[in-house]
Amino acid sequence: MTDDARLAAELAQRAADELVRLRAGTALTGRALKDAGDAAAHAPLVAALRDARPADAVLSEEAADDPARLDADRVWIVDPLDGTREFSEHRDDWAVHVALWTRTGGLAAGAVATGAGVRSTDDPRAAAADPAPVLAGERPLRLAVSRSRPPAVVDALVRRLGAEPVPMGSAGVKTMAVVDGTVDAYVHGGGQYEWDSAAPVAVARAAGLHTSRLDGSPLEYNRAEVWLPDLVVCPQPLAQHLLAAIAAGEEEEA
C-alpha cells in the first residue's frame, strides 16, 4: 500500500497548502472563511482522487454519500478541512484527512496534513511518550481534549486520574500529538463521523499505537451509518489503564 500512502500524503499536503494560501489571501472571516476553506480543499482533492484512482469510491464530509461505496472494495474516506473553527480563527490546529479503506484490510493507508507538514502511514515518524512515568504515578497523564466541546468522559477522566487536559482543535492534530509524544492520549466521546478519525487512526496504527472505541471495541469504517462517535488513541502499554478508568467512570454515572 506504499503507493496509496504516498498518494494520500501528497493530496493531503496539497490541500493543506491551498488552504494556507486561501487564508493568507482573503479578507473573509468567520462562517464565510469556513465555507471557502471547505470548498477550496474538497473539490480539487476529490477530483485528484478520481483521476488517480478512478475505480475507487470516495466518502467525503463535504459531499452527498453515495451508497454504492458499500459494495466497493476500496473507499477513500476524506475530511478536506477538519477544524474549520480553528482555520477561521487563523489558528494552526486544523488538518486535512485522507484515508483509504479496503475490504480485505480495513484502513490500509492514510495521511494527516497541516500547513506545517504531513504524516502518513508510509512515514508515521512515531515518537510517542513513554507511559511508564504515568503508570507509576510520577507525572500526570497529558490528555488531548477538544478546545471548544470537551466531552463529559474527558471531564471524568481528568477527575479520576488527575490528568492534565491539553486543549487542541482538529481530531487529526490531537491524534498526531499522541503520535509525536506531545500528549499521552486522546479520548473523545459524543460526536464524530468516520471522516473525523479514519486518517488519524490509520497513521496512529502505523505508529504502533492503540486505537479503539471507548469500550475497547474496534473502530469500523465504510459502514452504512457513518456516525462513529467515540475514540481512544494511546500507546499500547497505557491502553488497559485508560480503558479501565473510562469504564469505571461510566459505571459511576450509571
Protein backbone atom coordinates (compact mmCIF):
# COMPACT_ATOMS: atom_id res chain seq x y z
CA MET A 1 0.00 0.00 0.00
CA THR A 2 3.02 2.29 -0.23
CA ASP A 3 1.79 3.95 -3.42
CA ASP A 4 -1.61 4.61 -1.83
CA ALA A 5 0.04 6.05 1.29
CA ARG A 6 2.19 8.33 -0.84
CA LEU A 7 -0.85 9.44 -2.80
CA ALA A 8 -2.73 10.16 0.43
CA ALA A 9 0.19 12.21 1.74
CA GLU A 10 0.64 14.14 -1.50
CA LEU A 11 -3.04 15.03 -1.85
CA ALA A 12 -3.48 15.90 1.82
CA GLN A 13 -0.47 18.21 1.79
CA ARG A 14 -1.55 19.77 -1.50
CA ALA A 15 -4.95 20.58 0.02
CA ALA A 16 -3.34 21.96 3.18
CA ASP A 17 -1.06 24.19 1.14
CA GLU A 18 -4.06 25.51 -0.78
CA LEU A 19 -5.83 26.28 2.49
CA VAL A 20 -2.81 28.23 3.73
CA ARG A 21 -2.77 30.26 0.50
CA LEU A 22 -6.51 30.88 0.68
CA ARG A 23 -6.42 32.16 4.23
CA ALA A 24 -3.43 34.39 3.58
CA GLY A 25 -5.01 35.98 0.53
CA THR A 26 -8.57 36.67 1.63
CA ALA A 27 -10.39 39.13 3.83
CA LEU A 28 -13.10 36.58 4.61
CA THR A 29 -13.78 35.77 8.27
CA GLY A 30 -16.00 33.52 10.34
CA ARG A 31 -18.54 31.33 8.57
CA ALA A 32 -17.61 32.71 5.16
CA LEU A 33 -13.99 31.67 5.63
CA LYS A 34 -15.04 28.23 6.92
CA ASP A 35 -17.20 27.65 3.82
CA ALA A 36 -14.50 28.92 1.49
CA GLY A 37 -11.97 26.60 3.12
CA ASP A 38 -14.23 23.56 2.83
CA ALA A 39 -14.87 24.27 -0.85
CA ALA A 40 -11.25 25.06 -1.71
CA ALA A 41 -9.99 21.81 -0.20
CA HIS A 42 -12.80 19.45 -1.20
CA ALA A 43 -13.17 19.96 -4.95
CA PRO A 44 -9.51 19.56 -6.01
CA LEU A 45 -8.91 16.76 -3.50
CA VAL A 46 -11.79 14.63 -4.73
CA ALA A 47 -11.01 15.45 -8.37
CA ALA A 48 -7.43 14.29 -7.86
CA LEU A 49 -8.60 11.04 -6.28
CA ARG A 50 -10.99 10.42 -9.17
CA ASP A 51 -8.16 11.00 -11.59
CA ALA A 52 -5.57 8.88 -9.77
CA ARG A 53 -7.88 6.06 -8.63
CA PRO A 54 -10.94 6.14 -10.95
CA ALA A 55 -12.22 2.73 -9.84
CA ASP A 56 -12.30 3.66 -6.14
CA ALA A 57 -15.24 5.11 -4.21
CA VAL A 58 -14.98 8.30 -2.14
CA LEU A 59 -16.69 9.23 1.13
CA SER A 60 -16.20 12.91 1.96
CA GLU A 61 -17.66 15.11 4.66
CA GLU A 62 -18.35 17.75 2.01
CA ALA A 63 -20.29 15.58 -0.46
CA ALA A 64 -23.52 13.60 -0.54
CA ASP A 65 -22.98 10.00 0.48
CA ASP A 66 -23.18 7.52 -2.42
CA PRO A 67 -24.45 4.15 -1.10
CA ALA A 68 -22.52 2.43 -3.91
CA ARG A 69 -19.43 2.71 -1.70
CA LEU A 70 -20.82 -0.09 0.46
CA ASP A 71 -20.20 -2.54 -2.39
CA ALA A 72 -16.80 -1.11 -3.31
CA ASP A 73 -13.55 -2.88 -2.46
CA ARG A 74 -11.65 0.39 -2.00
CA VAL A 75 -13.05 3.58 -0.48
CA TRP A 76 -11.23 6.84 0.21
CA ILE A 77 -12.53 8.49 3.38
CA VAL A 78 -11.65 12.18 3.49
CA ASP A 79 -12.22 15.28 5.55
CA PRO A 80 -10.98 18.16 3.40
CA LEU A 81 -10.81 20.51 6.38
CA ASP A 82 -11.07 19.18 9.91
CA GLY A 83 -11.13 22.01 12.41
CA THR A 84 -12.94 24.70 10.43
CA ARG A 85 -13.34 26.81 13.57
CA GLU A 86 -9.60 26.85 14.15
CA PHE A 87 -8.97 27.56 10.48
CA SER A 88 -11.36 30.53 10.54
CA GLU A 89 -9.69 31.86 13.69
CA HIS A 90 -6.27 31.79 12.00
CA ARG A 91 -5.02 29.09 14.34
CA ASP A 92 -2.75 26.25 13.24
CA ASP A 93 -4.59 23.28 14.80
CA TRP A 94 -6.65 22.29 11.75
CA ALA A 95 -5.89 19.45 9.34
CA VAL A 96 -6.70 17.64 6.10
CA HIS A 97 -7.54 13.93 6.44
CA VAL A 98 -7.15 11.39 3.60
CA ALA A 99 -7.56 7.65 4.29
CA LEU A 100 -8.04 4.52 2.22
CA TRP A 101 -10.28 1.68 3.42
CA THR A 102 -10.11 -1.69 1.68
CA ARG A 103 -12.45 -4.64 2.04
CA THR A 104 -9.57 -7.02 2.74
CA GLY A 105 -7.51 -4.84 5.09
CA GLY A 106 -9.68 -2.13 6.63
CA LEU A 107 -7.75 1.13 6.94
CA ALA A 108 -4.87 0.43 4.56
CA ALA A 109 -3.34 3.89 4.07
CA GLY A 110 -3.78 7.41 5.35
CA ALA A 111 -2.32 10.85 5.86
CA VAL A 112 -2.94 13.87 8.07
CA ALA A 113 -1.63 17.21 6.81
CA THR A 114 -1.48 20.74 8.16
CA GLY A 115 0.20 23.81 6.81
CA ALA A 116 3.32 22.72 8.71
CA GLY A 117 3.69 19.26 7.20
CA VAL A 118 2.19 15.79 6.75
CA ARG A 119 2.31 12.43 8.49
CA SER A 120 1.26 9.27 6.69
CA THR A 121 1.11 5.52 7.16
CA ASP A 122 4.19 5.35 4.93
CA ASP A 123 6.14 7.62 7.31
CA PRO A 124 4.41 7.97 10.70
CA ARG A 125 7.56 9.30 12.42
CA ALA A 126 6.37 7.96 15.76
CA ALA A 127 7.91 9.26 18.96
CA ALA A 128 5.10 8.52 21.40
CA ALA A 129 5.75 9.49 25.01
CA ASP A 130 6.94 6.82 27.43
CA PRO A 131 3.86 5.91 29.51
CA ALA A 132 5.89 4.35 32.34
CA PRO A 133 6.07 7.56 34.45
CA VAL A 134 2.28 7.96 34.10
CA LEU A 135 1.60 4.37 35.13
CA ALA A 136 3.99 4.76 38.07
CA GLY A 137 2.24 7.94 39.20
CA GLU A 138 5.34 10.05 38.63
CA ARG A 139 3.61 12.57 36.39
CA PRO A 140 0.03 13.28 35.31
CA LEU A 141 -1.47 11.87 32.13
CA ARG A 142 -1.44 14.57 29.42
CA LEU A 143 -4.77 14.28 27.63
CA ALA A 144 -5.60 15.94 24.30
CA VAL A 145 -9.10 17.43 24.54
CA SER A 146 -11.42 19.49 22.40
CA ARG A 147 -10.85 23.20 22.97
CA SER A 148 -14.48 24.03 22.18
CA ARG A 149 -16.56 20.96 23.15
CA PRO A 150 -14.77 18.80 25.74
CA PRO A 151 -16.93 15.68 26.26
CA ALA A 152 -18.14 14.52 29.67
CA VAL A 153 -15.98 11.38 29.50
CA VAL A 154 -12.88 13.58 29.42
CA ASP A 155 -14.01 15.59 32.45
CA ALA A 156 -14.49 12.30 34.31
CA LEU A 157 -11.01 11.10 33.34
CA VAL A 158 -9.41 14.35 34.45
CA ARG A 159 -11.04 13.94 37.86
CA ARG A 160 -10.42 10.20 38.25
CA LEU A 161 -6.82 10.13 37.00
CA GLY A 162 -5.70 13.63 37.88
CA ALA A 163 -5.00 14.10 34.18
CA GLU A 164 -3.75 17.29 32.60
CA PRO A 165 -6.07 18.42 29.78
CA VAL A 166 -4.34 19.88 26.73
CA PRO A 167 -6.89 21.71 24.53
CA MET A 168 -6.49 21.40 20.73
CA GLY A 169 -8.64 21.72 17.63
CA SER A 170 -8.77 19.11 14.86
CA ALA A 171 -9.07 15.40 15.70
CA GLY A 172 -6.14 14.89 13.36
CA VAL A 173 -3.99 17.35 15.28
CA LYS A 174 -4.92 15.72 18.59
CA THR A 175 -4.10 12.24 17.30
CA MET A 176 -0.79 13.37 15.81
CA ALA A 177 0.03 14.91 19.19
CA VAL A 178 -0.13 11.38 20.62
CA VAL A 179 2.00 10.06 17.75
CA ASP A 180 4.73 12.64 18.34
CA GLY A 181 4.62 12.48 22.14
CA THR A 182 3.24 15.96 22.83
CA VAL A 183 0.45 14.28 24.82
CA ASP A 184 -0.04 10.77 26.21
CA ALA A 185 -3.54 10.07 24.94
CA TYR A 186 -6.54 11.36 23.04
CA VAL A 187 -10.00 10.40 24.25
CA HIS A 188 -13.22 11.55 22.62
CA GLY A 189 -16.85 10.72 23.20
CA GLY A 190 -20.16 12.04 21.96
CA GLY A 191 -19.76 13.11 18.37
CA GLN A 192 -17.63 12.21 15.37
CA TYR A 193 -18.05 10.69 11.93
CA GLU A 194 -15.86 8.25 10.02
CA TRP A 195 -14.01 11.04 8.21
CA ASP A 196 -13.04 12.66 11.52
CA SER A 197 -10.98 9.67 12.65
CA ALA A 198 -10.17 7.43 9.65
CA ALA A 199 -6.92 9.08 8.54
CA PRO A 200 -5.69 9.90 12.06
CA VAL A 201 -6.39 6.33 13.19
CA ALA A 202 -4.60 4.89 10.14
CA VAL A 203 -1.47 6.89 10.95
CA ALA A 204 -1.69 6.09 14.67
CA ARG A 205 -1.93 2.37 13.94
CA ALA A 206 1.06 2.56 11.62
CA ALA A 207 2.94 4.16 14.51
CA GLY A 208 2.08 1.19 16.72
CA LEU A 209 -0.46 2.96 18.92
CA HIS A 210 -3.64 1.54 20.42
CA THR A 211 -6.87 2.75 18.75
CA SER A 212 -10.39 1.73 19.77
CA ARG A 213 -13.85 2.79 20.83
CA LEU A 214 -14.35 3.91 24.45
CA ASP A 215 -15.32 0.37 25.41
CA GLY A 216 -12.22 -1.09 23.77
CA SER A 217 -14.09 -2.46 20.75
CA PRO A 218 -12.64 -1.99 17.23
CA LEU A 219 -13.20 1.10 15.12
CA GLU A 220 -15.01 0.05 11.93
CA TYR A 221 -15.19 2.04 8.71
CA ASN A 222 -17.19 2.18 5.47
CA ARG A 223 -20.43 1.28 7.21
CA ALA A 224 -23.89 2.34 6.15
CA GLU A 225 -24.07 4.55 9.26
CA VAL A 226 -21.07 6.87 9.20
CA TRP A 227 -21.61 8.10 12.77
CA LEU A 228 -18.59 6.92 14.81
CA PRO A 229 -18.85 9.00 17.95
CA ASP A 230 -16.04 7.92 20.26
CA LEU A 231 -12.33 7.23 20.10
CA VAL A 232 -9.29 6.32 22.20
CA VAL A 233 -5.70 6.73 20.96
CA CYS A 234 -2.74 6.00 23.22
CA PRO A 235 0.47 3.94 23.50
CA GLN A 236 -0.24 0.22 23.85
CA PRO A 237 1.05 -0.06 27.47
CA LEU A 238 -1.37 2.67 28.55
CA ALA A 239 -4.50 1.22 26.91
CA GLN A 240 -5.65 -1.13 29.68
CA HIS A 241 -5.16 1.54 32.35
CA LEU A 242 -7.06 4.14 30.34
CA LEU A 243 -9.93 1.88 29.25
CA ALA A 244 -10.41 0.69 32.83
CA ALA A 245 -10.66 4.28 34.04
CA ILE A 246 -13.20 5.09 31.31
CA ALA A 247 -15.30 2.05 32.22
CA ALA A 248 -15.17 2.91 35.94
CA GLY A 249 -16.35 6.43 35.22
CA GLU A 250 -19.25 5.17 33.13
CA GLU A 251 -20.28 2.75 35.89
CA GLU A 252 -20.33 5.61 38.39
CA GLU A 253 -22.55 7.70 36.12
CA ALA A 254 -24.92 4.77 35.64
